[in-house]
């Protein structure tokens, strides 16, 4: 994994998960059959990383599933629109300004489903001298627990496609 990919993963997590405590959905809440042909899977504790590189994929791609550290009644605040899409957009603008445009939120949307609430966002990371990375992330929150699904690619459409593909092959239950 290149320095840039590591940077983008850290940045995405910082945007959504600052000042955190409780980590991860309850075991068994998230079930997925996501395992594309040619992709390698690495499991480290509660984190799972799917990686596709040449020649299996035309460009480097990854999908990371990891516990998200959450504090307080986050799901209730999302459902009540207290943690709103506007708030996430303002946070994204602040991060972009603080990073001098290296990290930029391109789009975000609030998600309220029967079994969870959360946000989905698309980001671009432009590191000096490197090709931009695109990140599509879905933050899944149940009460005060969460999981983050992060898709990274050099191509925005691929990052979004891989996240959508993961979500289509995944069921989320409230336990």
N, C-alpha and C. Protein backbone atom coordinates (compact mmCIF):
# COMPACT_ATOMS: atom_id res chain seq x y z
N UNK A 1 0.85 -1.17 0.00
CA UNK A 1 0.00 0.00 0.00
C UNK A 1 0.90 1.24 0.00
N UNK A 2 0.63 2.18 -0.91
CA UNK A 2 1.47 3.36 -1.02
C UNK A 2 1.21 4.32 0.13
N UNK A 3 2.13 5.25 0.31
CA UNK A 3 1.99 6.26 1.35
C UNK A 3 0.67 7.02 1.19
N UNK A 4 0.32 7.33 -0.03
CA UNK A 4 -0.91 8.07 -0.30
C UNK A 4 -2.16 7.33 0.14
N UNK A 5 -2.22 6.01 -0.14
CA UNK A 5 -3.37 5.23 0.28
C UNK A 5 -3.50 5.22 1.80
N UNK A 6 -2.38 5.09 2.51
CA UNK A 6 -2.41 5.12 3.97
C UNK A 6 -2.90 6.48 4.46
N UNK A 7 -2.43 7.55 3.81
CA UNK A 7 -2.84 8.90 4.19
C UNK A 7 -4.34 9.09 4.01
N UNK A 8 -4.86 8.62 2.88
CA UNK A 8 -6.28 8.81 2.62
C UNK A 8 -7.13 8.04 3.62
N UNK A 9 -6.74 6.84 3.98
CA UNK A 9 -7.50 6.09 4.98
C UNK A 9 -7.52 6.80 6.32
N UNK A 10 -6.38 7.31 6.74
CA UNK A 10 -6.32 8.06 8.00
C UNK A 10 -7.19 9.30 7.94
N UNK A 11 -7.15 10.00 6.83
CA UNK A 11 -7.94 11.22 6.68
C UNK A 11 -9.43 10.97 6.72
N UNK A 12 -9.88 9.93 6.04
CA UNK A 12 -11.30 9.60 6.03
C UNK A 12 -11.79 9.28 7.43
N UNK A 13 -11.02 8.51 8.13
CA UNK A 13 -11.41 8.14 9.49
C UNK A 13 -11.45 9.35 10.41
N UNK A 14 -10.50 10.24 10.26
CA UNK A 14 -10.48 11.44 11.10
C UNK A 14 -11.70 12.32 10.85
N UNK A 15 -12.14 12.40 9.60
CA UNK A 15 -13.26 13.27 9.26
C UNK A 15 -14.52 12.86 9.99
N UNK A 16 -14.83 11.57 9.97
CA UNK A 16 -16.07 11.11 10.57
C UNK A 16 -15.97 10.70 12.03
N UNK A 17 -14.76 10.44 12.53
CA UNK A 17 -14.67 9.75 13.80
C UNK A 17 -13.86 10.45 14.87
N UNK A 18 -13.82 11.75 14.87
CA UNK A 18 -13.04 12.47 15.88
C UNK A 18 -13.68 12.31 17.26
N UNK A 19 -12.86 12.32 18.30
CA UNK A 19 -13.30 12.24 19.70
C UNK A 19 -14.21 11.03 19.94
N UNK A 20 -13.66 9.84 19.93
CA UNK A 20 -14.45 8.62 19.90
C UNK A 20 -14.22 7.71 21.10
N UNK A 21 -15.18 6.78 21.31
CA UNK A 21 -15.02 5.80 22.37
C UNK A 21 -15.45 4.40 21.94
N UNK A 22 -16.76 4.10 21.83
CA UNK A 22 -17.24 2.76 21.54
C UNK A 22 -16.88 2.38 20.10
N UNK A 23 -16.40 1.15 19.89
CA UNK A 23 -15.97 0.76 18.54
C UNK A 23 -16.73 -0.44 18.02
N UNK A 24 -17.19 -0.35 16.79
CA UNK A 24 -17.72 -1.48 16.05
C UNK A 24 -19.16 -1.84 16.37
N UNK A 25 -19.83 -2.37 15.34
CA UNK A 25 -21.16 -2.93 15.53
C UNK A 25 -21.04 -4.20 16.34
N UNK A 26 -22.15 -4.64 16.90
CA UNK A 26 -22.13 -5.90 17.63
C UNK A 26 -21.77 -7.03 16.66
N UNK A 27 -21.03 -8.03 17.13
CA UNK A 27 -20.65 -9.14 16.27
C UNK A 27 -21.88 -9.78 15.62
N UNK A 28 -21.81 -10.02 14.32
CA UNK A 28 -22.91 -10.63 13.58
C UNK A 28 -23.88 -9.63 12.96
N UNK A 29 -23.75 -8.36 13.29
CA UNK A 29 -24.66 -7.35 12.74
C UNK A 29 -24.45 -7.15 11.25
N UNK A 30 -23.20 -7.24 10.81
CA UNK A 30 -22.86 -7.01 9.41
C UNK A 30 -22.40 -8.33 8.79
N UNK A 31 -23.14 -8.81 7.80
CA UNK A 31 -22.80 -10.05 7.10
C UNK A 31 -22.62 -9.72 5.62
N UNK A 32 -21.47 -10.12 5.05
CA UNK A 32 -21.21 -9.81 3.65
C UNK A 32 -20.67 -11.01 2.90
N UNK A 33 -20.98 -11.04 1.61
CA UNK A 33 -20.42 -12.05 0.72
C UNK A 33 -19.45 -11.40 -0.27
N UNK A 34 -19.04 -10.16 0.03
CA UNK A 34 -18.14 -9.42 -0.86
C UNK A 34 -16.78 -10.12 -0.91
N UNK A 35 -16.46 -10.68 -2.05
CA UNK A 35 -15.16 -11.33 -2.27
C UNK A 35 -14.92 -11.43 -3.77
N UNK A 36 -14.70 -10.29 -4.43
CA UNK A 36 -14.52 -10.32 -5.88
C UNK A 36 -13.34 -11.20 -6.30
N UNK A 37 -13.49 -11.82 -7.46
CA UNK A 37 -12.43 -12.68 -8.01
C UNK A 37 -11.19 -11.84 -8.26
N UNK A 38 -10.04 -12.38 -7.83
CA UNK A 38 -8.78 -11.69 -8.04
C UNK A 38 -8.38 -10.75 -6.92
N UNK A 39 -9.28 -10.52 -5.97
CA UNK A 39 -8.98 -9.64 -4.84
C UNK A 39 -8.36 -10.46 -3.72
N UNK A 40 -7.42 -9.87 -3.00
CA UNK A 40 -6.82 -10.50 -1.83
C UNK A 40 -7.53 -9.97 -0.59
N UNK A 41 -7.66 -10.81 0.41
CA UNK A 41 -8.32 -10.40 1.66
C UNK A 41 -7.33 -10.55 2.80
N UNK A 42 -7.24 -9.50 3.62
CA UNK A 42 -6.41 -9.55 4.82
C UNK A 42 -7.31 -9.23 6.01
N UNK A 43 -7.26 -10.06 7.02
CA UNK A 43 -8.05 -9.85 8.24
C UNK A 43 -7.10 -9.57 9.38
N UNK A 44 -7.32 -8.47 10.07
CA UNK A 44 -6.53 -8.13 11.26
C UNK A 44 -7.49 -7.73 12.37
N UNK A 45 -7.74 -8.68 13.25
CA UNK A 45 -8.70 -8.42 14.31
C UNK A 45 -10.07 -8.14 13.72
N UNK A 46 -10.66 -7.02 14.08
CA UNK A 46 -11.99 -6.65 13.60
C UNK A 46 -11.94 -5.95 12.24
N UNK A 47 -10.76 -5.73 11.69
CA UNK A 47 -10.62 -5.05 10.40
C UNK A 47 -10.43 -6.07 9.28
N UNK A 48 -11.07 -5.78 8.14
CA UNK A 48 -10.89 -6.63 6.97
C UNK A 48 -10.56 -5.73 5.79
N UNK A 49 -9.53 -6.08 5.05
CA UNK A 49 -9.08 -5.29 3.92
C UNK A 49 -9.13 -6.14 2.66
N UNK A 50 -9.86 -5.67 1.66
CA UNK A 50 -9.92 -6.30 0.34
C UNK A 50 -9.06 -5.45 -0.59
N UNK A 51 -8.07 -6.07 -1.26
CA UNK A 51 -7.16 -5.34 -2.13
C UNK A 51 -7.15 -5.98 -3.52
N UNK A 52 -7.20 -5.12 -4.53
CA UNK A 52 -7.06 -5.60 -5.90
C UNK A 52 -5.99 -4.75 -6.58
N UNK A 53 -5.03 -5.41 -7.16
CA UNK A 53 -3.91 -4.75 -7.82
C UNK A 53 -3.74 -5.37 -9.20
N UNK A 54 -2.84 -4.82 -9.98
CA UNK A 54 -2.52 -5.38 -11.29
C UNK A 54 -2.03 -6.81 -11.13
N UNK A 55 -2.27 -7.71 -11.95
CA UNK A 55 -3.03 -7.61 -13.19
C UNK A 55 -4.51 -7.91 -13.01
N UNK A 56 -4.96 -8.30 -11.81
CA UNK A 56 -6.37 -8.64 -11.59
C UNK A 56 -7.29 -7.45 -11.85
N UNK A 57 -6.86 -6.27 -11.49
CA UNK A 57 -7.63 -5.04 -11.70
C UNK A 57 -6.80 -4.09 -12.55
N UNK A 58 -7.48 -3.22 -13.27
CA UNK A 58 -6.78 -2.27 -14.14
C UNK A 58 -6.02 -1.21 -13.36
N UNK A 59 -6.42 -1.00 -12.12
CA UNK A 59 -5.77 -0.03 -11.25
C UNK A 59 -5.90 -0.50 -9.81
N UNK A 60 -5.05 -0.02 -8.92
CA UNK A 60 -5.12 -0.42 -7.51
C UNK A 60 -6.45 0.05 -6.91
N UNK A 61 -7.10 -0.88 -6.18
CA UNK A 61 -8.37 -0.60 -5.52
C UNK A 61 -8.37 -1.29 -4.17
N UNK A 62 -9.08 -0.72 -3.22
CA UNK A 62 -9.23 -1.41 -1.94
C UNK A 62 -10.54 -1.05 -1.29
N UNK A 63 -11.00 -1.98 -0.47
CA UNK A 63 -12.19 -1.78 0.36
C UNK A 63 -11.80 -2.21 1.76
N UNK A 64 -11.95 -1.30 2.72
CA UNK A 64 -11.61 -1.55 4.11
C UNK A 64 -12.89 -1.52 4.95
N UNK A 65 -13.07 -2.54 5.77
CA UNK A 65 -14.18 -2.59 6.72
C UNK A 65 -13.55 -2.57 8.09
N UNK A 66 -13.93 -1.57 8.88
CA UNK A 66 -13.31 -1.45 10.21
C UNK A 66 -14.30 -0.87 11.21
N UNK A 67 -14.12 -1.21 12.47
CA UNK A 67 -14.96 -0.62 13.51
C UNK A 67 -14.80 0.89 13.52
N UNK A 68 -15.89 1.58 13.72
CA UNK A 68 -15.86 3.04 13.83
C UNK A 68 -16.11 3.40 15.28
N UNK A 69 -15.26 4.20 15.82
CA UNK A 69 -15.39 4.61 17.22
C UNK A 69 -16.41 5.75 17.29
N UNK A 70 -17.42 5.54 18.12
CA UNK A 70 -18.54 6.48 18.24
C UNK A 70 -18.72 6.84 19.70
N UNK A 71 -19.18 8.06 19.96
CA UNK A 71 -19.45 8.47 21.34
C UNK A 71 -20.87 9.03 21.43
N UNK A 72 -21.58 8.61 22.45
CA UNK A 72 -22.91 9.14 22.71
C UNK A 72 -23.98 8.53 21.82
N UNK A 73 -25.20 9.08 21.89
CA UNK A 73 -26.33 8.53 21.12
C UNK A 73 -26.30 8.98 19.66
N UNK A 74 -25.29 8.55 18.93
CA UNK A 74 -25.06 9.03 17.57
C UNK A 74 -26.20 8.69 16.63
N UNK A 75 -26.71 7.46 16.68
CA UNK A 75 -27.78 7.09 15.76
C UNK A 75 -29.01 7.96 15.96
N UNK A 76 -29.38 8.21 17.19
CA UNK A 76 -30.53 9.07 17.47
C UNK A 76 -30.31 10.48 16.93
N UNK A 77 -29.10 10.99 17.06
CA UNK A 77 -28.78 12.33 16.55
C UNK A 77 -28.83 12.37 15.02
N UNK A 78 -28.43 11.29 14.37
CA UNK A 78 -28.51 11.24 12.91
C UNK A 78 -29.97 11.17 12.49
N UNK A 79 -30.74 10.30 13.12
CA UNK A 79 -32.16 10.15 12.78
C UNK A 79 -32.93 11.46 13.01
N UNK A 80 -32.58 12.20 14.05
CA UNK A 80 -33.25 13.47 14.36
C UNK A 80 -32.70 14.63 13.51
N UNK A 81 -31.74 14.35 12.67
CA UNK A 81 -31.09 15.33 11.79
C UNK A 81 -30.32 16.39 12.59
N UNK A 82 -29.89 16.02 13.80
CA UNK A 82 -29.01 16.90 14.59
C UNK A 82 -27.60 16.80 14.01
N UNK A 83 -27.15 15.57 13.77
CA UNK A 83 -25.94 15.38 12.97
C UNK A 83 -26.47 15.29 11.54
N UNK A 84 -26.40 16.40 10.85
CA UNK A 84 -27.05 16.52 9.54
C UNK A 84 -26.04 16.49 8.40
N UNK A 85 -26.56 16.39 7.21
CA UNK A 85 -25.70 16.45 6.03
C UNK A 85 -25.03 17.81 5.94
N UNK A 86 -25.73 18.87 6.34
CA UNK A 86 -25.14 20.20 6.35
C UNK A 86 -23.96 20.29 7.31
N UNK A 87 -24.09 19.67 8.48
CA UNK A 87 -23.00 19.65 9.45
C UNK A 87 -21.79 18.90 8.89
N UNK A 88 -22.04 17.78 8.23
CA UNK A 88 -20.95 17.01 7.62
C UNK A 88 -20.28 17.84 6.52
N UNK A 89 -21.07 18.56 5.72
CA UNK A 89 -20.51 19.40 4.66
C UNK A 89 -19.63 20.51 5.26
N UNK A 90 -20.07 21.12 6.35
CA UNK A 90 -19.27 22.16 7.02
C UNK A 90 -17.98 21.57 7.59
N UNK A 91 -18.07 20.39 8.17
CA UNK A 91 -16.89 19.71 8.69
C UNK A 91 -15.92 19.42 7.55
N UNK A 92 -16.46 18.96 6.42
CA UNK A 92 -15.64 18.69 5.25
C UNK A 92 -14.95 19.94 4.74
N UNK A 93 -15.67 21.07 4.73
CA UNK A 93 -15.08 22.34 4.29
C UNK A 93 -13.96 22.77 5.24
N UNK A 94 -14.15 22.56 6.52
CA UNK A 94 -13.12 22.91 7.51
C UNK A 94 -11.87 22.06 7.33
N UNK A 95 -12.08 20.76 7.10
CA UNK A 95 -10.93 19.87 6.89
C UNK A 95 -10.20 20.25 5.61
N UNK A 96 -10.95 20.58 4.56
CA UNK A 96 -10.32 20.99 3.30
C UNK A 96 -9.48 22.25 3.49
N UNK A 97 -10.03 23.21 4.21
CA UNK A 97 -9.30 24.46 4.46
C UNK A 97 -8.04 24.20 5.31
N UNK A 98 -8.21 23.40 6.36
CA UNK A 98 -7.08 23.10 7.25
C UNK A 98 -5.98 22.31 6.53
N UNK A 99 -6.38 21.48 5.56
CA UNK A 99 -5.39 20.68 4.82
C UNK A 99 -4.90 21.39 3.56
N UNK A 100 -5.33 22.63 3.39
CA UNK A 100 -4.98 23.42 2.20
C UNK A 100 -5.38 22.72 0.91
N UNK A 101 -6.55 22.11 0.93
CA UNK A 101 -7.11 21.49 -0.25
C UNK A 101 -6.63 20.09 -0.55
N UNK A 102 -5.76 19.54 0.30
CA UNK A 102 -5.27 18.18 0.08
C UNK A 102 -6.44 17.20 0.20
N UNK A 103 -7.30 17.43 1.17
CA UNK A 103 -8.43 16.54 1.45
C UNK A 103 -9.71 17.32 1.21
N UNK A 104 -10.59 16.84 0.29
CA UNK A 104 -11.80 17.59 -0.04
C UNK A 104 -13.01 16.66 -0.12
N UNK A 105 -14.07 17.04 0.59
CA UNK A 105 -15.34 16.33 0.53
C UNK A 105 -16.06 16.76 -0.75
N UNK A 106 -16.37 15.80 -1.62
CA UNK A 106 -17.04 16.10 -2.88
C UNK A 106 -18.55 15.99 -2.76
N UNK A 107 -19.02 15.03 -1.99
CA UNK A 107 -20.46 14.86 -1.79
C UNK A 107 -20.70 14.06 -0.52
N UNK A 108 -21.86 14.26 0.06
CA UNK A 108 -22.25 13.46 1.23
C UNK A 108 -23.76 13.37 1.27
N UNK A 109 -24.23 12.32 1.93
CA UNK A 109 -25.68 12.17 2.13
C UNK A 109 -25.93 11.41 3.41
N UNK A 110 -27.00 11.77 4.06
CA UNK A 110 -27.43 11.11 5.29
C UNK A 110 -28.24 9.88 4.90
N UNK A 111 -28.07 8.80 5.64
CA UNK A 111 -28.78 7.55 5.37
C UNK A 111 -29.53 7.15 6.63
N UNK A 112 -30.83 6.90 6.47
CA UNK A 112 -31.65 6.42 7.58
C UNK A 112 -32.40 5.19 7.08
N UNK A 113 -31.99 4.04 7.58
CA UNK A 113 -32.59 2.75 7.25
C UNK A 113 -33.22 2.17 8.51
N UNK A 114 -34.01 1.13 8.36
CA UNK A 114 -34.64 0.49 9.51
C UNK A 114 -33.59 -0.08 10.48
N UNK A 115 -32.52 -0.68 9.93
CA UNK A 115 -31.54 -1.36 10.78
C UNK A 115 -30.34 -0.49 11.18
N UNK A 116 -30.21 0.71 10.60
CA UNK A 116 -29.09 1.59 10.95
C UNK A 116 -29.30 2.98 10.37
N UNK A 117 -28.46 3.90 10.82
CA UNK A 117 -28.37 5.23 10.24
C UNK A 117 -26.91 5.51 9.96
N UNK A 118 -26.64 6.55 9.22
CA UNK A 118 -25.25 6.89 8.96
C UNK A 118 -25.10 7.91 7.86
N UNK A 119 -23.93 7.93 7.27
CA UNK A 119 -23.62 8.85 6.19
C UNK A 119 -22.82 8.13 5.13
N UNK A 120 -22.94 8.64 3.92
CA UNK A 120 -22.09 8.19 2.83
C UNK A 120 -21.45 9.43 2.24
N UNK A 121 -20.16 9.35 1.98
CA UNK A 121 -19.45 10.49 1.43
C UNK A 121 -18.45 10.07 0.38
N UNK A 122 -18.14 11.02 -0.50
CA UNK A 122 -17.10 10.82 -1.50
C UNK A 122 -16.09 11.94 -1.30
N UNK A 123 -14.81 11.57 -1.28
CA UNK A 123 -13.71 12.50 -1.02
C UNK A 123 -12.67 12.37 -2.10
N UNK A 124 -11.87 13.40 -2.26
CA UNK A 124 -10.68 13.32 -3.10
C UNK A 124 -9.50 13.78 -2.25
N UNK A 125 -8.38 13.10 -2.43
CA UNK A 125 -7.16 13.46 -1.72
C UNK A 125 -6.11 13.75 -2.79
N UNK A 126 -5.57 14.96 -2.74
CA UNK A 126 -4.55 15.38 -3.70
C UNK A 126 -3.25 15.66 -2.94
N UNK A 127 -2.35 14.71 -3.00
CA UNK A 127 -1.04 14.87 -2.37
C UNK A 127 -0.08 15.44 -3.40
N UNK A 128 0.79 16.34 -2.98
CA UNK A 128 1.76 16.93 -3.93
C UNK A 128 2.57 15.85 -4.64
N UNK A 129 2.63 15.94 -5.95
CA UNK A 129 3.43 15.01 -6.74
C UNK A 129 2.81 13.64 -6.94
N UNK A 130 1.59 13.42 -6.47
CA UNK A 130 0.94 12.12 -6.63
C UNK A 130 -0.40 12.27 -7.33
N UNK A 131 -0.84 11.19 -7.94
CA UNK A 131 -2.13 11.12 -8.58
C UNK A 131 -3.22 11.20 -7.50
N UNK A 132 -4.34 11.90 -7.74
CA UNK A 132 -5.39 11.99 -6.72
C UNK A 132 -6.02 10.62 -6.42
N UNK A 133 -6.42 10.42 -5.17
CA UNK A 133 -7.15 9.24 -4.73
C UNK A 133 -8.60 9.65 -4.49
N UNK A 134 -9.51 8.76 -4.80
CA UNK A 134 -10.91 8.99 -4.49
C UNK A 134 -11.34 7.98 -3.45
N UNK A 135 -12.16 8.44 -2.53
CA UNK A 135 -12.61 7.62 -1.41
C UNK A 135 -14.13 7.72 -1.32
N UNK A 136 -14.79 6.57 -1.29
CA UNK A 136 -16.22 6.52 -1.03
C UNK A 136 -16.37 5.78 0.29
N UNK A 137 -17.09 6.37 1.22
CA UNK A 137 -17.22 5.77 2.56
C UNK A 137 -18.67 5.73 2.98
N UNK A 138 -19.07 4.62 3.62
CA UNK A 138 -20.37 4.51 4.27
C UNK A 138 -20.11 4.27 5.75
N UNK A 139 -20.62 5.15 6.57
CA UNK A 139 -20.55 5.00 8.02
C UNK A 139 -21.88 4.42 8.48
N UNK A 140 -21.85 3.24 9.08
CA UNK A 140 -23.03 2.54 9.55
C UNK A 140 -23.07 2.68 11.08
N UNK A 141 -24.16 3.27 11.60
CA UNK A 141 -24.27 3.51 13.04
C UNK A 141 -25.53 2.85 13.59
N UNK A 142 -25.35 2.10 14.67
CA UNK A 142 -26.45 1.51 15.44
C UNK A 142 -26.26 1.95 16.88
N UNK A 143 -27.18 2.74 17.38
CA UNK A 143 -27.09 3.30 18.73
C UNK A 143 -25.77 4.06 18.89
N UNK A 144 -24.86 3.56 19.74
CA UNK A 144 -23.57 4.24 19.94
C UNK A 144 -22.42 3.39 19.41
N UNK A 145 -22.70 2.59 18.39
CA UNK A 145 -21.70 1.71 17.79
C UNK A 145 -21.68 1.92 16.28
N UNK A 146 -20.55 1.65 15.66
CA UNK A 146 -20.50 1.86 14.22
C UNK A 146 -19.45 1.04 13.51
N UNK A 147 -19.61 0.97 12.20
CA UNK A 147 -18.64 0.34 11.30
C UNK A 147 -18.50 1.25 10.10
N UNK A 148 -17.29 1.33 9.61
CA UNK A 148 -16.98 2.17 8.47
C UNK A 148 -16.56 1.27 7.31
N UNK A 149 -17.18 1.49 6.14
CA UNK A 149 -16.80 0.77 4.93
C UNK A 149 -16.19 1.82 4.00
N UNK A 150 -14.93 1.63 3.65
CA UNK A 150 -14.17 2.63 2.91
C UNK A 150 -13.66 2.00 1.61
N UNK A 151 -14.00 2.62 0.49
CA UNK A 151 -13.55 2.16 -0.81
C UNK A 151 -12.62 3.21 -1.40
N UNK A 152 -11.42 2.78 -1.85
CA UNK A 152 -10.42 3.72 -2.35
C UNK A 152 -9.97 3.29 -3.75
N UNK A 153 -9.86 4.26 -4.65
CA UNK A 153 -9.38 4.01 -6.00
C UNK A 153 -8.83 5.30 -6.58
N UNK A 154 -8.05 5.18 -7.64
CA UNK A 154 -7.59 6.36 -8.37
C UNK A 154 -8.72 6.94 -9.22
N UNK A 155 -9.81 6.22 -9.35
CA UNK A 155 -10.94 6.62 -10.17
C UNK A 155 -12.17 6.78 -9.29
N UNK A 156 -12.82 7.94 -9.35
CA UNK A 156 -13.98 8.19 -8.50
C UNK A 156 -15.10 7.18 -8.74
N UNK A 157 -15.40 6.91 -10.00
CA UNK A 157 -16.49 5.98 -10.31
C UNK A 157 -16.19 4.58 -9.78
N UNK A 158 -14.93 4.15 -9.85
CA UNK A 158 -14.57 2.84 -9.30
C UNK A 158 -14.72 2.80 -7.79
N UNK A 159 -14.31 3.86 -7.12
CA UNK A 159 -14.46 3.91 -5.65
C UNK A 159 -15.94 3.81 -5.27
N UNK A 160 -16.78 4.56 -5.97
CA UNK A 160 -18.22 4.53 -5.68
C UNK A 160 -18.83 3.17 -6.06
N UNK A 161 -18.40 2.62 -7.19
CA UNK A 161 -18.91 1.32 -7.65
C UNK A 161 -18.57 0.21 -6.65
N UNK A 162 -17.33 0.19 -6.16
CA UNK A 162 -16.93 -0.84 -5.21
C UNK A 162 -17.68 -0.72 -3.89
N UNK A 163 -17.94 0.51 -3.44
CA UNK A 163 -18.73 0.68 -2.22
C UNK A 163 -20.16 0.18 -2.45
N UNK A 164 -20.74 0.56 -3.56
CA UNK A 164 -22.11 0.12 -3.88
C UNK A 164 -22.16 -1.41 -3.99
N UNK A 165 -21.17 -1.98 -4.64
CA UNK A 165 -21.09 -3.44 -4.79
C UNK A 165 -21.00 -4.11 -3.42
N UNK A 166 -20.15 -3.56 -2.53
CA UNK A 166 -20.05 -4.11 -1.18
C UNK A 166 -21.40 -4.04 -0.47
N UNK A 167 -22.05 -2.88 -0.53
CA UNK A 167 -23.33 -2.71 0.18
C UNK A 167 -24.41 -3.63 -0.41
N UNK A 168 -24.40 -3.86 -1.72
CA UNK A 168 -25.38 -4.76 -2.33
C UNK A 168 -25.17 -6.21 -1.92
N UNK A 169 -23.96 -6.57 -1.50
CA UNK A 169 -23.66 -7.93 -1.09
C UNK A 169 -23.61 -8.07 0.44
N UNK A 170 -24.19 -7.10 1.12
CA UNK A 170 -24.10 -7.05 2.58
C UNK A 170 -25.48 -6.88 3.20
N UNK A 171 -25.70 -7.58 4.29
CA UNK A 171 -26.92 -7.36 5.09
C UNK A 171 -26.49 -6.81 6.45
N UNK A 172 -27.30 -5.88 6.94
CA UNK A 172 -27.03 -5.26 8.24
C UNK A 172 -28.26 -5.49 9.12
N UNK A 173 -28.04 -6.20 10.22
CA UNK A 173 -29.13 -6.50 11.15
C UNK A 173 -28.88 -5.77 12.46
N UNK A 174 -29.96 -5.44 13.11
CA UNK A 174 -29.86 -4.83 14.46
C UNK A 174 -29.96 -5.96 15.47
N UNK A 175 -28.89 -6.14 16.25
CA UNK A 175 -28.85 -7.20 17.27
C UNK A 175 -29.01 -6.61 18.65
